[in-house]
């Protein structure tokens, strides 16, 4: 598996929160080559299982979300589209951004921005609110109303591309990078004999409140779950006390109340023994901001671990990840699946 090419393809498929169906269909096809059975549940989560064939085998779940932040059209004024955010959009990044409005067929648009020649002095350093922005799709009022109904989703029109010697840059790497690491782990495990039934969930609606992971994990009822998501990588303008993970620094293993200590200790031990480049990421609160918060308290509780892939410029059109970090994440997932067993 070529991780870069797989991610470039995945990031080209639009899948804003609540509108992940095209992405889910492609993900299901990718999972089918590794899993005994795959299906899409009522929420839209893509789920697969490979059974070990051993009586009383416990269930291990790997989860990564496949939705991305996006936009939803709320109205049309003078041919321009009003919109709201789907997930944590950063208003600073949006003016002059190109968007793909997901009509059939999709339409190209650009978020309006005043040129500096006509900008008032007092407005030069202001951040425009999303509710005050518009998308220009090159149509007049009646044409635009007919072409783009209210409730139509949209995404930033950026894919992913190779960046430097060992990185990728683009939108939706949060969390297509996490899903790619799981796919790579499945490839590494293809001929392995496991003591667990291995489930994979490509979950939806994480960006709007971890909404897909909760019912998905409830239905699977795994004994253990490892969530893979992205985390913040430091840049020259970040403070070490807030962001200390480095691009290329390895997989980040979460430690804190949102994670099960036994499972976390197993992964830390496996990372050391197998010389997998890694760091510890301290998550002091009960909410890591990932699907771990929903899955950990599903049913009577699920032993949950969190792996993070360092990412620069999260929730922008130009997120950056290291291919080496994705590979190290996949290796740790692989070793974890081989190490945990039939304890239940």
Protein backbone atom coordinates (compact mmCIF):
# COMPACT_ATOMS: atom_id res chain seq x y z
CA UNK A 1 0.00 0.00 0.00
CA UNK A 2 1.28 3.43 -0.95
CA UNK A 3 0.12 5.58 1.99
CA UNK A 4 0.64 8.84 0.11
CA UNK A 5 -1.35 7.81 -2.95
CA UNK A 6 -4.13 6.34 -0.81
CA UNK A 7 -4.42 9.57 1.17
CA UNK A 8 -4.33 11.75 -1.92
CA UNK A 9 -7.31 9.78 -3.24
CA UNK A 10 -9.19 9.85 0.07
CA UNK A 11 -8.71 13.58 0.52
CA UNK A 12 -10.13 14.21 -2.96
CA UNK A 13 -13.49 12.70 -1.95
CA UNK A 14 -15.81 15.18 -0.20
CA UNK A 15 -17.28 14.01 3.10
CA UNK A 16 -18.43 16.86 5.35
CA UNK A 17 -20.08 15.88 8.62
CA UNK A 18 -23.52 14.44 7.97
CA UNK A 19 -22.86 14.01 4.25
CA UNK A 20 -20.20 11.30 4.23
CA UNK A 21 -21.94 8.79 1.90
CA UNK A 22 -19.56 9.07 -1.12
CA UNK A 23 -16.59 8.75 1.21
CA UNK A 24 -18.17 5.82 3.02
CA UNK A 25 -18.73 3.91 -0.21
CA UNK A 26 -15.06 4.22 -1.16
CA UNK A 27 -13.89 3.32 2.35
CA UNK A 28 -16.06 0.20 2.34
CA UNK A 29 -14.37 -0.98 -0.87
CA UNK A 30 -10.93 -0.37 0.65
CA UNK A 31 -11.84 -2.32 3.79
CA UNK A 32 -13.32 -5.27 1.91
CA UNK A 33 -9.89 -6.48 0.76
CA UNK A 34 -8.83 -7.04 4.39
CA UNK A 35 -12.03 -7.92 6.28
CA UNK A 36 -14.32 -10.95 6.41
CA UNK A 37 -17.40 -8.75 6.41
CA UNK A 38 -18.13 -5.04 5.94
CA UNK A 39 -21.29 -2.97 6.26
CA UNK A 40 -22.58 0.58 6.67
CA UNK A 41 -24.78 1.19 9.71
CA UNK A 42 -27.75 3.52 10.05
CA UNK A 43 -25.52 6.44 11.11
CA UNK A 44 -23.29 5.98 8.06
CA UNK A 45 -20.32 4.44 9.89
CA UNK A 46 -18.40 1.92 7.81
CA UNK A 47 -17.68 -1.17 9.90
CA UNK A 48 -15.64 -4.25 9.10
CA UNK A 49 -14.65 -7.36 11.02
CA UNK A 50 -12.03 -10.06 10.67
CA UNK A 51 -12.81 -13.00 12.93
CA UNK A 52 -10.02 -15.07 14.43
CA UNK A 53 -12.19 -18.22 14.62
CA UNK A 54 -11.43 -18.90 18.28
CA UNK A 55 -14.17 -19.62 20.80
CA UNK A 56 -14.85 -16.81 23.22
CA UNK A 57 -12.54 -14.38 21.44
CA UNK A 58 -12.78 -10.82 22.67
CA UNK A 59 -13.37 -7.89 20.33
CA UNK A 60 -10.76 -5.25 19.52
CA UNK A 61 -11.91 -2.14 17.67
CA UNK A 62 -9.80 0.32 15.68
CA UNK A 63 -11.58 3.62 14.99
CA UNK A 64 -10.82 6.68 12.85
CA UNK A 65 -13.35 9.23 11.65
CA UNK A 66 -13.83 9.92 7.94
CA UNK A 67 -15.85 13.13 8.03
CA UNK A 68 -14.27 16.52 7.46
CA UNK A 69 -15.17 20.06 8.42
CA UNK A 70 -17.36 21.72 5.81
CA UNK A 71 -20.09 24.22 5.05
CA UNK A 72 -23.86 24.09 4.55
CA UNK A 73 -25.80 26.56 2.42
CA UNK A 74 -28.45 28.52 4.34
CA UNK A 75 -29.75 30.90 1.66
CA UNK A 76 -29.09 32.99 -1.46
CA UNK A 77 -28.76 36.79 -1.63
CA UNK A 78 -28.20 38.61 -4.94
CA UNK A 79 -26.82 35.39 -6.40
CA UNK A 80 -24.37 34.85 -3.52
CA UNK A 81 -24.71 31.87 -1.18
CA UNK A 82 -24.95 32.32 2.55
CA UNK A 83 -23.55 29.45 4.62
CA UNK A 84 -22.90 28.08 8.09
CA UNK A 85 -20.12 25.80 9.32
CA UNK A 86 -20.20 22.03 9.68
CA UNK A 87 -17.69 21.48 12.47
CA UNK A 88 -14.92 23.76 13.68
CA UNK A 89 -14.38 26.12 10.76
CA UNK A 90 -11.83 28.88 11.35
CA UNK A 91 -13.18 32.13 9.92
CA UNK A 92 -9.64 33.50 9.50
CA UNK A 93 -8.90 30.99 6.74
CA UNK A 94 -12.01 31.38 4.64
CA UNK A 95 -11.93 34.66 2.66
CA UNK A 96 -10.87 34.04 -0.97
CA UNK A 97 -10.96 30.27 -0.41
CA UNK A 98 -12.19 28.10 -3.26
CA UNK A 99 -15.09 25.80 -2.40
CA UNK A 100 -16.84 22.84 -3.97
CA UNK A 101 -20.60 23.13 -3.59
CA UNK A 102 -21.94 19.58 -3.58
CA UNK A 103 -24.82 19.88 -6.02
CA UNK A 104 -25.18 17.28 -8.79
CA UNK A 105 -22.88 17.95 -10.54
CA UNK A 106 -20.77 19.93 -8.03
CA UNK A 107 -20.27 23.65 -8.58
CA UNK A 108 -17.10 25.67 -8.07
CA UNK A 109 -17.29 28.76 -5.91
CA UNK A 110 -15.13 31.32 -4.14
CA UNK A 111 -15.74 32.95 -0.78
CA UNK A 112 -16.00 36.68 -1.39
CA UNK A 113 -13.32 39.00 -0.05
CA UNK A 114 -12.87 42.74 -0.40
CA UNK A 115 -9.60 43.70 -2.12
CA UNK A 116 -7.19 45.80 -0.02
CA UNK A 117 -7.77 48.83 -2.29
CA UNK A 118 -11.31 49.32 -0.95
CA UNK A 119 -10.88 47.97 2.57
CA UNK A 120 -11.47 50.52 5.33
CA UNK A 121 -8.57 51.10 7.71
CA UNK A 122 -10.59 50.04 10.75
CA UNK A 123 -11.47 46.73 9.06
CA UNK A 124 -7.94 45.70 8.03
CA UNK A 125 -7.28 43.61 11.15
CA UNK A 126 -10.83 42.39 11.78
CA UNK A 127 -11.80 38.74 11.29
CA UNK A 128 -14.99 38.53 9.24
CA UNK A 129 -17.68 36.42 10.90
CA UNK A 130 -18.87 33.37 8.98
CA UNK A 131 -22.43 34.69 9.02
CA UNK A 132 -21.17 37.77 7.14
CA UNK A 133 -19.45 35.79 4.36
CA UNK A 134 -20.83 34.77 0.98
CA UNK A 135 -19.93 32.26 -1.75
CA UNK A 136 -19.86 33.49 -5.32
CA UNK A 137 -20.74 30.76 -7.84
CA UNK A 138 -21.01 33.02 -10.89
CA UNK A 139 -24.82 33.02 -11.12
CA UNK A 140 -27.58 35.59 -10.74
CA UNK A 141 -30.19 35.36 -7.98
CA UNK A 142 -32.85 33.19 -9.60
CA UNK A 143 -30.29 30.92 -11.26
CA UNK A 144 -28.45 30.46 -7.97
CA UNK A 145 -31.66 29.71 -6.03
CA UNK A 146 -32.64 27.06 -8.56
CA UNK A 147 -29.16 25.53 -8.72
CA UNK A 148 -28.31 25.40 -5.01
CA UNK A 149 -31.12 24.49 -2.58
CA UNK A 150 -30.87 25.37 1.09
CA UNK A 151 -29.14 22.56 2.98
CA UNK A 152 -26.65 21.80 0.23
CA UNK A 153 -23.25 20.93 1.75
CA UNK A 154 -19.90 22.23 0.53
CA UNK A 155 -16.21 21.66 1.23
CA UNK A 156 -13.02 23.59 0.69
CA UNK A 157 -11.79 22.77 -2.82
CA UNK A 158 -8.36 21.45 -1.93
CA UNK A 159 -7.09 17.91 -2.18
CA UNK A 160 -3.81 16.62 -0.76
CA UNK A 161 -0.39 16.65 -2.40
CA UNK A 162 3.12 15.55 -1.60
CA UNK A 163 4.96 18.16 0.44
CA UNK A 164 8.71 18.11 0.86
CA UNK A 165 10.45 14.76 1.03
CA UNK A 166 8.19 12.85 3.43
CA UNK A 167 5.02 14.82 4.10
CA UNK A 168 1.57 15.46 2.69
CA UNK A 169 -0.28 18.78 2.67
CA UNK A 170 -4.00 19.30 2.10
CA UNK A 171 -7.49 19.36 3.56
CA UNK A 172 -9.24 16.48 5.37
CA UNK A 173 -6.04 14.86 6.60
CA UNK A 174 -7.95 15.18 9.87
CA UNK A 175 -8.74 12.33 9.99
CA UNK A 176 -8.17 10.58 6.68
CA UNK A 177 -4.57 10.17 7.89
CA UNK A 178 -5.86 8.17 10.85
CA UNK A 179 -7.92 5.93 8.62
CA UNK A 180 -4.95 5.43 6.27
CA UNK A 181 -2.87 4.25 9.24
CA UNK A 182 -5.54 1.65 10.05
CA UNK A 183 -5.59 0.45 6.43
CA UNK A 184 -1.82 0.11 6.53
CA UNK A 185 -2.06 -1.83 9.82
CA UNK A 186 -4.56 -4.21 8.21
CA UNK A 187 -2.09 -4.78 5.40
CA UNK A 188 0.66 -5.58 7.94
CA UNK A 189 -1.71 -7.98 9.71
CA UNK A 190 -2.86 -9.77 6.56
CA UNK A 191 -1.20 -13.12 7.38
CA UNK A 192 -1.14 -12.75 11.17
CA UNK A 193 -2.95 -15.16 13.50
CA UNK A 194 -4.82 -13.14 16.10
CA UNK A 195 -6.53 -14.04 19.37
CA UNK A 196 -9.18 -11.35 18.92
CA UNK A 197 -11.94 -10.56 16.48
CA UNK A 198 -10.65 -7.36 14.92
CA UNK A 199 -13.23 -4.67 14.09
CA UNK A 200 -12.59 -1.45 12.20
CA UNK A 201 -14.94 1.52 12.30
CA UNK A 202 -14.59 4.42 9.89
CA UNK A 203 -16.87 6.69 11.87
CA UNK A 204 -18.91 9.70 10.83
CA UNK A 205 -19.91 13.04 12.36
CA UNK A 206 -16.91 13.31 14.68
CA UNK A 207 -16.48 16.98 13.81
CA UNK A 208 -19.97 17.80 15.09
CA UNK A 209 -19.74 16.02 18.43
CA UNK A 210 -18.47 12.43 18.00
CA UNK A 211 -21.98 11.44 16.95
CA UNK A 212 -21.18 8.39 14.83
CA UNK A 213 -18.75 6.72 17.22
CA UNK A 214 -21.18 6.41 20.13
CA UNK A 215 -23.87 4.24 18.47
CA UNK A 216 -21.25 2.41 16.39
CA UNK A 217 -19.26 1.32 19.44
CA UNK A 218 -22.45 0.49 21.34
CA UNK A 219 -23.47 -1.95 18.60
CA UNK A 220 -20.04 -3.58 18.31
CA UNK A 221 -19.49 -3.79 22.09
CA UNK A 222 -15.72 -4.31 21.94
CA UNK A 223 -13.62 -5.15 25.00
CA UNK A 224 -10.97 -2.70 23.82
CA UNK A 225 -10.80 0.14 21.33
CA UNK A 226 -7.90 2.16 19.92
CA UNK A 227 -8.89 5.50 18.41
CA UNK A 228 -6.58 7.08 15.85
CA UNK A 229 -6.91 10.81 15.28
CA UNK A 230 -4.65 13.75 14.60
CA UNK A 231 -2.98 15.96 17.19
CA UNK A 232 -1.27 19.33 17.07
CA UNK A 233 2.34 19.55 15.86
CA UNK A 234 4.44 22.48 16.98
CA UNK A 235 5.36 25.41 14.75
CA UNK A 236 7.56 28.44 15.53
CA UNK A 237 4.57 30.34 16.92
CA UNK A 238 3.32 27.66 19.34
CA UNK A 239 4.21 27.53 23.02
CA UNK A 240 6.02 24.37 24.26
CA UNK A 241 3.68 24.15 27.24
CA UNK A 242 0.71 23.90 24.87
CA UNK A 243 2.09 22.03 21.82
CA UNK A 244 5.19 19.88 22.07
CA UNK A 245 4.70 17.14 19.46
CA UNK A 246 6.85 17.28 16.35
CA UNK A 247 6.12 16.37 12.77
CA UNK A 248 8.17 13.24 12.18
CA UNK A 249 8.50 12.70 15.93
CA UNK A 250 6.49 9.48 15.86
CA UNK A 251 3.06 8.34 16.96
CA UNK A 252 1.74 10.09 20.08
CA UNK A 253 0.32 7.74 22.72
CA UNK A 254 -2.32 9.46 24.82
CA UNK A 255 -2.14 9.27 28.61
CA UNK A 256 -4.90 10.57 30.89
CA UNK A 257 -8.38 9.91 32.29
CA UNK A 258 -9.94 9.51 28.83
CA UNK A 259 -7.68 6.50 28.21
CA UNK A 260 -7.56 3.08 29.85
CA UNK A 261 -4.26 2.75 31.73
CA UNK A 262 -3.81 -0.98 31.10
CA UNK A 263 -4.27 -0.63 27.33
CA UNK A 264 -2.11 2.50 27.25
CA UNK A 265 0.68 0.70 29.15
CA UNK A 266 0.50 -2.21 26.69
CA UNK A 267 0.95 0.17 23.74
CA UNK A 268 3.81 2.04 25.41
CA UNK A 269 5.56 -1.27 26.10
CA UNK A 270 5.03 -2.47 22.53
CA UNK A 271 6.35 0.79 21.12
CA UNK A 272 9.54 0.48 23.17
CA UNK A 273 10.08 -3.22 22.46
CA UNK A 274 9.53 -2.84 18.71
CA UNK A 275 11.52 0.39 18.44
CA UNK A 276 8.51 2.28 17.12
CA UNK A 277 9.16 6.00 17.22
CA UNK A 278 6.70 7.50 19.69
CA UNK A 279 5.98 10.15 22.28
CA UNK A 280 3.65 10.43 25.24
CA UNK A 281 0.81 12.91 24.88
CA UNK A 282 -0.68 14.03 28.18
CA UNK A 283 -4.48 14.50 28.10
CA UNK A 284 -5.28 15.75 31.61
CA UNK A 285 -9.04 16.17 31.19
CA UNK A 286 -11.81 13.65 30.75
CA UNK A 287 -12.35 14.74 27.15
CA UNK A 288 -9.54 14.39 24.65
CA UNK A 289 -11.62 16.05 21.92
CA UNK A 290 -11.72 12.79 19.96
CA UNK A 291 -14.00 9.78 19.59
CA UNK A 292 -12.36 8.43 22.75
CA UNK A 293 -14.73 10.54 24.83
CA UNK A 294 -17.80 8.82 23.34
CA UNK A 295 -16.44 5.28 23.07
CA UNK A 296 -14.89 5.09 26.55
CA UNK A 297 -18.29 5.45 28.24
CA UNK A 298 -20.31 3.34 25.80
CA UNK A 299 -22.35 0.56 27.40
CA UNK A 300 -20.70 -0.42 30.70
CA UNK A 301 -17.42 1.15 29.58
CA UNK A 302 -14.84 0.21 26.96
CA UNK A 303 -11.09 0.07 27.61
CA UNK A 304 -9.97 2.83 25.27
CA UNK A 305 -6.60 3.95 23.96
CA UNK A 306 -5.73 6.98 21.84
CA UNK A 307 -3.04 7.33 19.18
CA UNK A 308 -2.47 10.72 17.57
CA UNK A 309 -0.69 11.67 14.36
CA UNK A 310 1.05 15.08 14.71
CA UNK A 311 -0.51 17.58 12.30
CA UNK A 312 0.24 21.19 11.49
CA UNK A 313 -2.45 23.76 10.64
CA UNK A 314 -5.37 21.56 11.73
CA UNK A 315 -8.82 22.50 10.40
CA UNK A 316 -7.37 24.43 7.51
CA UNK A 317 -7.14 23.67 3.79
CA UNK A 318 -3.43 22.97 4.19
CA UNK A 319 -2.96 20.50 7.02
CA UNK A 320 0.47 18.84 7.02
CA UNK A 321 1.33 15.32 8.20
CA UNK A 322 4.41 13.11 8.07
CA UNK A 323 4.17 9.82 6.18
CA UNK A 324 6.67 8.38 8.65
CA UNK A 325 4.34 9.17 11.57
CA UNK A 326 1.48 7.40 9.79
CA UNK A 327 3.67 4.34 9.23
CA UNK A 328 4.71 4.30 12.90
CA UNK A 329 1.07 4.56 13.93
CA UNK A 330 0.22 1.60 11.69
CA UNK A 331 3.07 -0.47 13.13
CA UNK A 332 1.86 0.15 16.69
CA UNK A 333 -1.72 -0.76 15.75
CA UNK A 334 -0.41 -3.97 14.21
CA UNK A 335 1.61 -4.93 17.29
CA UNK A 336 -1.33 -4.11 19.56
CA UNK A 337 -3.66 -6.39 17.62
CA UNK A 338 -1.14 -9.22 17.86
CA UNK A 339 -0.47 -8.67 21.57
CA UNK A 340 -3.97 -8.49 23.06
CA UNK A 341 -5.80 -11.75 23.45
CA UNK A 342 -8.60 -13.86 24.72
CA UNK A 343 -8.86 -12.53 28.27
CA UNK A 344 -12.68 -12.36 28.43
